Amino acid sequence: MSDAMASRPLVSQPIEFGDPTSNNFWVEYPNGLVDVSRSTHLNDLKSSAEKQLGIDPFKDTGAQDILQAGSDSITPTLLPGQLDVPVTGGRTVRLDTEKTAVVIIDMQNFFLHKDLRSHPKGLACVDPLMRVVPFFRERNIKILWVNWGLTTAELSTIPPSLVRGFAKPGSIRGGGFGSNLPGDFGRLLMRGEKNSELYGPLQGLYEDGKDKGTDFWIHKNRISGLWDQTLLDNFLKENGLKTLFFAGVNADQCVLGTLVDAYFKGYDCILLEDATATTSPEGALESVIYNAGNSYGFVTNTDNVMDSKF
């Protein structure tokens, strides 16, 4: 896994980010723990530590610095329903599984099937997802399959820039949205068509999770799944979700668009590096990984997720 946060040093003392009077906050500790579970305010932890150690902050000199002096040992206890996930930069993200979802973007036949295009890097994401999705399910983390799936009515609402972007003259995919694809793949990225289904074993993985009530199919009609009051946006709000893992294709297009919009809306963003790919030239994926770790949130991989503490 690339060390996307190598340039960001560990904090020298515990810091709370956000509003200390609300439920919208993170706490970061010098040992690398970033608690995004929104379960323990820094002041609450300080008061608890003082009580456990028998310190009266009004009488004992230096008691106000207790968290600075003993910050490596005075951290919140890992509670039931929480998960500690190693991420790049020497950090560990602590999350609340009930407030967490995995957003898997566009792992569809249109983008991956060999009869429609060559995307070996995208295909390499299939096995990591096949392994990690059951792990997430066991931790009661929702799996959101966010895919292109247009209706006839939506074809008239798509802006010309996007229409042009998906029209590729001279290609078997050249007709753009709603055009007929070869064989039995159906109309390009329309709902219910074979080209809009998940690739290979991922379709069965989704259907298994759908039957279990852990997996949800969410249609999108733009590069970003969160560009406006979308189906994804509504689902996240209705279910009280705050922390989002991201995976899929293409990294620098639909994945990045959705991740950045999630960041703008205040969600916690974690990119699954080995389950994300692109057809763009070298450097495109690296840029996404770098910014995901340094600006938008965190970067990890599926092996680290499966090694998480809970």
Protein backbone atom coordinates (compact mmCIF):
# COMPACT_ATOMS: atom_id res chain seq x y z
CA MET A 1 0.00 0.00 0.00
CA SER A 2 1.36 3.42 -0.93
CA ASP A 3 2.06 5.80 1.94
CA ALA A 4 -0.21 8.60 0.80
CA MET A 5 0.05 10.47 4.10
CA ALA A 6 3.82 10.39 4.52
CA SER A 7 3.98 14.19 4.42
CA ARG A 8 1.51 14.65 7.28
CA PRO A 9 3.21 14.27 10.69
CA LEU A 10 1.53 12.74 13.70
CA VAL A 11 -0.04 15.23 16.07
CA SER A 12 1.97 16.15 19.19
CA GLN A 13 -1.10 16.20 21.43
CA PRO A 14 -4.73 15.11 21.13
CA ILE A 15 -6.79 17.39 18.90
CA GLU A 16 -10.55 17.52 18.42
CA PHE A 17 -11.72 18.59 14.98
CA GLY A 18 -15.24 19.92 14.47
CA ASP A 19 -17.81 21.29 16.87
CA PRO A 20 -17.17 20.18 20.48
CA THR A 21 -20.83 20.81 21.36
CA SER A 22 -22.28 18.62 18.60
CA ASN A 23 -22.13 15.06 17.31
CA ASN A 24 -20.03 16.10 14.31
CA PHE A 25 -16.40 15.75 15.37
CA TRP A 26 -13.21 13.70 15.10
CA VAL A 27 -10.45 13.26 17.68
CA GLU A 28 -6.86 12.52 16.63
CA TYR A 29 -4.24 11.18 19.05
CA PRO A 30 -0.42 11.21 19.01
CA ASN A 31 -0.33 7.41 18.72
CA GLY A 32 -1.93 7.71 15.27
CA LEU A 33 -5.51 6.92 16.24
CA VAL A 34 -8.09 9.04 14.42
CA ASP A 35 -11.44 8.43 16.09
CA VAL A 36 -14.21 9.26 13.61
CA SER A 37 -16.84 7.30 15.55
CA ARG A 38 -18.16 10.51 17.16
CA SER A 39 -18.53 8.62 20.44
CA THR A 40 -16.13 10.37 22.85
CA HIS A 41 -15.38 14.08 23.00
CA LEU A 42 -11.85 14.99 24.06
CA ASN A 43 -13.08 16.85 27.16
CA ASP A 44 -15.14 13.83 28.20
CA LEU A 45 -12.10 11.59 27.85
CA LYS A 46 -9.98 14.02 29.87
CA SER A 47 -12.52 14.08 32.69
CA SER A 48 -12.71 10.28 32.72
CA ALA A 49 -8.92 9.94 32.82
CA GLU A 50 -8.63 12.42 35.69
CA LYS A 51 -11.25 10.50 37.64
CA GLN A 52 -9.53 7.16 37.05
CA LEU A 53 -6.18 8.57 38.17
CA GLY A 54 -7.61 10.43 41.16
CA ILE A 55 -6.51 13.84 39.88
CA ASP A 56 -8.26 17.04 40.93
CA PRO A 57 -7.60 19.47 38.06
CA PHE A 58 -8.28 22.42 40.36
CA LYS A 59 -5.70 21.37 42.95
CA ASP A 60 -3.04 19.30 41.16
CA THR A 61 -0.47 21.30 39.22
CA GLY A 62 -0.29 20.33 35.58
CA ALA A 63 -3.48 18.31 35.65
CA GLN A 64 -4.81 20.24 32.67
CA ASP A 65 -1.99 18.71 30.59
CA ILE A 66 -2.83 15.13 31.49
CA LEU A 67 -3.72 14.15 27.94
CA GLN A 68 -0.51 15.69 26.64
CA ALA A 69 1.61 13.89 29.24
CA GLY A 70 0.01 10.48 28.86
CA SER A 71 -1.54 10.65 25.45
CA ASP A 72 -0.28 7.26 24.25
CA SER A 73 -2.11 5.42 27.01
CA ILE A 74 -5.13 7.67 27.55
CA THR A 75 -7.33 6.95 24.56
CA PRO A 76 -10.93 5.79 24.24
CA THR A 77 -11.66 2.12 24.78
CA LEU A 78 -12.63 0.24 21.63
CA LEU A 79 -16.36 -0.24 22.09
CA PRO A 80 -18.65 -2.94 20.68
CA GLY A 81 -19.69 -2.00 17.17
CA GLN A 82 -16.47 -0.09 16.51
CA LEU A 83 -13.67 -1.06 14.12
CA ASP A 84 -10.02 0.05 14.10
CA VAL A 85 -8.78 0.11 10.49
CA PRO A 86 -5.07 0.70 9.71
CA VAL A 87 -4.60 3.38 7.05
CA THR A 88 -1.59 5.01 5.44
CA GLY A 89 0.58 7.54 7.25
CA GLY A 90 0.88 5.51 10.44
CA ARG A 91 -2.76 6.10 11.33
CA THR A 92 -5.61 3.93 12.51
CA VAL A 93 -9.18 5.05 11.84
CA ARG A 94 -11.74 4.09 14.46
CA LEU A 95 -15.25 3.95 13.02
CA ASP A 96 -18.77 3.12 14.10
CA THR A 97 -19.96 0.21 11.94
CA GLU A 98 -23.62 1.26 12.18
CA LYS A 99 -22.68 4.61 10.62
CA THR A 100 -20.45 3.11 7.92
CA ALA A 101 -21.01 1.96 4.33
CA VAL A 102 -18.91 0.77 1.40
CA VAL A 103 -19.57 2.65 -1.84
CA ILE A 104 -18.60 0.47 -4.84
CA ILE A 105 -18.82 2.44 -8.05
CA ASP A 106 -19.44 1.29 -11.64
CA MET A 107 -18.04 -2.24 -11.48
CA GLN A 108 -20.32 -2.94 -14.44
CA ASN A 109 -20.04 -4.94 -17.64
CA PHE A 110 -19.90 -1.74 -19.66
CA PHE A 111 -16.62 -0.77 -18.00
CA LEU A 112 -15.09 -4.21 -17.45
CA HIS A 113 -16.36 -6.89 -19.84
CA LYS A 114 -13.72 -7.97 -22.37
CA ASP A 115 -16.23 -7.83 -25.23
CA LEU A 116 -16.75 -4.11 -24.62
CA ARG A 117 -13.30 -2.90 -23.57
CA SER A 118 -9.93 -3.90 -22.13
CA HIS A 119 -9.60 -2.97 -18.46
CA PRO A 120 -7.17 -5.41 -16.78
CA LYS A 121 -6.57 -3.08 -13.82
CA GLY A 122 -10.29 -2.85 -13.21
CA LEU A 123 -10.64 -6.61 -13.39
CA ALA A 124 -7.87 -6.89 -10.77
CA CYS A 125 -10.25 -5.16 -8.31
CA VAL A 126 -12.76 -8.01 -8.47
CA ASP A 127 -10.94 -10.49 -6.21
CA PRO A 128 -10.26 -7.96 -3.40
CA LEU A 129 -13.94 -7.02 -3.41
CA MET A 130 -15.03 -10.66 -3.39
CA ARG A 131 -12.94 -11.17 -0.25
CA VAL A 132 -13.67 -7.97 1.67
CA VAL A 133 -17.43 -7.55 1.05
CA PRO A 134 -18.34 -10.58 3.24
CA PHE A 135 -16.09 -9.18 5.99
CA PHE A 136 -17.91 -5.86 5.89
CA ARG A 137 -21.27 -7.61 5.94
CA GLU A 138 -20.28 -9.55 9.07
CA ARG A 139 -19.56 -6.23 10.79
CA ASN A 140 -23.04 -4.88 9.87
CA ILE A 141 -21.55 -2.41 7.40
CA LYS A 142 -23.84 -1.67 4.48
CA ILE A 143 -22.68 -2.40 0.92
CA LEU A 144 -23.82 0.18 -1.64
CA TRP A 145 -23.42 -0.74 -5.30
CA VAL A 146 -23.61 2.66 -7.02
CA ASN A 147 -23.99 2.29 -10.78
CA TRP A 148 -25.04 4.01 -13.94
CA GLY A 149 -28.66 3.09 -14.65
CA LEU A 150 -30.52 5.59 -16.80
CA THR A 151 -34.22 5.86 -17.50
CA THR A 152 -35.64 7.06 -20.81
CA ALA A 153 -36.77 10.28 -19.13
CA GLU A 154 -33.24 10.96 -17.84
CA LEU A 155 -31.77 10.83 -21.33
CA SER A 156 -33.31 14.24 -22.04
CA THR A 157 -31.86 15.78 -18.86
CA ILE A 158 -28.19 14.84 -19.31
CA PRO A 159 -26.08 17.92 -20.22
CA PRO A 160 -24.36 18.02 -23.64
CA SER A 161 -20.85 17.87 -22.16
CA LEU A 162 -21.64 14.50 -20.58
CA VAL A 163 -23.43 13.23 -23.69
CA ARG A 164 -20.37 14.09 -25.78
CA GLY A 165 -18.02 12.48 -23.28
CA PHE A 166 -19.73 9.10 -23.63
CA ALA A 167 -20.08 9.25 -27.41
CA LYS A 168 -17.03 7.61 -29.00
CA PRO A 169 -17.21 7.65 -32.82
CA GLY A 170 -15.58 4.61 -34.37
CA SER A 171 -15.94 2.51 -31.22
CA ILE A 172 -18.41 -0.31 -30.60
CA ARG A 173 -19.56 1.94 -27.74
CA GLY A 174 -19.72 4.97 -30.04
CA GLY A 175 -23.41 5.80 -29.93
CA GLY A 176 -23.41 7.09 -26.36
CA PHE A 177 -26.12 6.85 -23.73
CA GLY A 178 -29.08 4.73 -24.79
CA SER A 179 -27.50 3.45 -28.00
CA ASN A 180 -27.51 -0.24 -28.88
CA LEU A 181 -24.41 -2.25 -27.97
CA PRO A 182 -23.24 -5.45 -29.69
CA GLY A 183 -24.74 -8.85 -28.95
CA ASP A 184 -27.09 -9.03 -25.98
CA PHE A 185 -25.53 -6.19 -23.97
CA GLY A 186 -28.52 -3.95 -24.64
CA ARG A 187 -28.74 -0.17 -24.59
CA LEU A 188 -25.74 1.69 -23.22
CA LEU A 189 -25.98 2.19 -19.42
CA MET A 190 -29.77 1.96 -19.34
CA ARG A 191 -31.45 0.30 -16.38
CA GLY A 192 -32.05 -3.42 -16.62
CA GLU A 193 -29.63 -4.00 -19.51
CA LYS A 194 -26.85 -6.58 -19.44
CA ASN A 195 -24.11 -3.96 -19.91
CA SER A 196 -25.39 -2.22 -16.76
CA GLU A 197 -25.17 -5.38 -14.64
CA LEU A 198 -22.23 -5.90 -12.31
CA TYR A 199 -19.31 -7.74 -13.86
CA GLY A 200 -19.03 -11.51 -13.53
CA PRO A 201 -19.10 -12.83 -9.95
CA LEU A 202 -19.88 -9.39 -8.53
CA GLN A 203 -23.48 -9.65 -9.76
CA GLY A 204 -23.95 -12.83 -7.73
CA LEU A 205 -22.18 -11.24 -4.75
CA TYR A 206 -24.65 -8.37 -4.83
CA GLU A 207 -27.68 -10.64 -5.23
CA ASP A 208 -26.55 -12.71 -2.23
CA GLY A 209 -26.26 -9.54 -0.15
CA LYS A 210 -29.57 -8.21 -1.42
CA ASP A 211 -31.27 -11.35 -0.16
CA LYS A 212 -29.56 -10.90 3.21
CA GLY A 213 -30.57 -7.25 3.44
CA THR A 214 -26.96 -6.03 3.59
CA ASP A 215 -26.48 -4.84 0.00
CA PHE A 216 -28.26 -2.09 -1.89
CA TRP A 217 -28.28 -1.13 -5.57
CA ILE A 218 -28.28 2.63 -6.09
CA HIS A 219 -28.64 4.17 -9.55
CA LYS A 220 -26.77 7.31 -10.59
CA ASN A 221 -27.06 9.51 -13.66
CA ARG A 222 -23.89 11.58 -13.48
CA ILE A 223 -20.15 11.01 -12.99
CA SER A 224 -20.69 11.70 -9.29
CA GLY A 225 -23.23 9.74 -7.31
CA LEU A 226 -23.61 12.72 -4.95
CA TRP A 227 -23.81 15.69 -7.31
CA ASP A 228 -27.25 16.81 -6.11
CA GLN A 229 -30.11 15.38 -4.07
CA THR A 230 -29.42 11.95 -5.51
CA LEU A 231 -30.65 8.50 -4.54
CA LEU A 232 -27.29 7.91 -2.84
CA ASP A 233 -27.48 11.19 -0.93
CA ASN A 234 -30.97 10.34 0.31
CA PHE A 235 -29.93 6.82 1.34
CA LEU A 236 -26.95 8.08 3.36
CA LYS A 237 -29.04 10.64 5.21
CA GLU A 238 -31.96 8.29 5.86
CA ASN A 239 -29.64 5.67 7.36
CA GLY A 240 -27.50 8.06 9.41
CA LEU A 241 -24.30 7.07 7.62
CA LYS A 242 -21.16 9.14 8.21
CA THR A 243 -18.12 7.06 7.19
CA LEU A 244 -17.71 5.81 3.62
CA PHE A 245 -15.23 3.41 2.05
CA PHE A 246 -14.79 3.93 -1.70
CA ALA A 247 -13.88 1.45 -4.44
CA GLY A 248 -14.51 0.88 -8.14
CA VAL A 249 -13.80 2.41 -11.54
CA ASN A 250 -12.68 4.70 -12.84
CA ALA A 251 -10.62 6.11 -9.99
CA ASP A 252 -10.07 9.59 -11.42
CA GLN A 253 -13.57 9.95 -12.82
CA CYS A 254 -16.67 8.47 -11.16
CA VAL A 255 -14.92 7.29 -7.98
CA LEU A 256 -13.15 10.59 -7.46
CA GLY A 257 -16.23 12.63 -8.36
CA THR A 258 -18.34 10.82 -5.76
CA LEU A 259 -15.58 10.84 -3.14
CA VAL A 260 -14.93 14.56 -3.50
CA ASP A 261 -18.63 15.38 -3.31
CA ALA A 262 -18.86 13.21 -0.18
CA TYR A 263 -15.94 15.15 1.29
CA PHE A 264 -17.65 18.45 0.46
CA LYS A 265 -20.83 17.22 2.18
CA GLY A 266 -18.92 16.28 5.34
CA TYR A 267 -18.67 12.49 5.12
CA ASP A 268 -15.58 10.61 6.30
CA CYS A 269 -13.87 9.20 3.18
CA ILE A 270 -11.61 6.13 3.04
CA LEU A 271 -10.29 4.91 -0.33
CA LEU A 272 -9.69 1.18 -0.82
CA GLU A 273 -6.56 1.39 -2.94
CA ASP A 274 -6.41 -2.20 -4.21
CA ALA A 275 -10.10 -2.16 -5.14
CA THR A 276 -9.89 1.03 -7.21
CA ALA A 277 -8.52 1.38 -10.76
CA THR A 278 -8.60 3.48 -13.91
CA THR A 279 -7.87 3.26 -17.63
CA SER A 280 -6.19 6.68 -17.54
CA PRO A 281 -2.42 7.08 -18.10
CA GLU A 282 0.12 6.49 -15.36
CA GLY A 283 -0.06 9.09 -12.62
CA ALA A 284 -3.83 9.46 -12.59
CA LEU A 285 -4.44 6.81 -9.93
CA GLU A 286 -1.44 8.00 -7.93
CA SER A 287 -2.88 11.52 -7.84
CA VAL A 288 -6.23 10.24 -6.57
CA ILE A 289 -4.52 8.18 -3.87
CA TYR A 290 -2.32 11.08 -2.81
CA ASN A 291 -5.18 13.53 -2.48
CA ALA A 292 -7.50 10.98 -0.88
CA GLY A 293 -4.93 10.50 1.88
CA ASN A 294 -3.72 14.06 2.31
CA SER A 295 -6.84 16.14 1.70
CA TYR A 296 -10.08 14.21 1.45
CA GLY A 297 -9.61 11.56 4.14
CA PHE A 298 -7.70 8.30 4.29
CA VAL A 299 -6.29 5.47 2.18
CA THR A 300 -6.16 1.79 3.07
CA ASN A 301 -6.46 -1.59 1.34
CA THR A 302 -8.63 -4.66 1.73
CA ASP A 303 -5.95 -6.66 3.59
CA ASN A 304 -5.76 -3.96 6.24
CA VAL A 305 -9.53 -3.91 6.55
CA MET A 306 -9.61 -7.65 7.13
CA ASP A 307 -6.88 -7.28 9.77
CA SER A 308 -8.89 -4.63 11.62
CA LYS A 309 -9.42 -4.81 15.36
CA PHE A 310 -12.96 -5.00 16.69
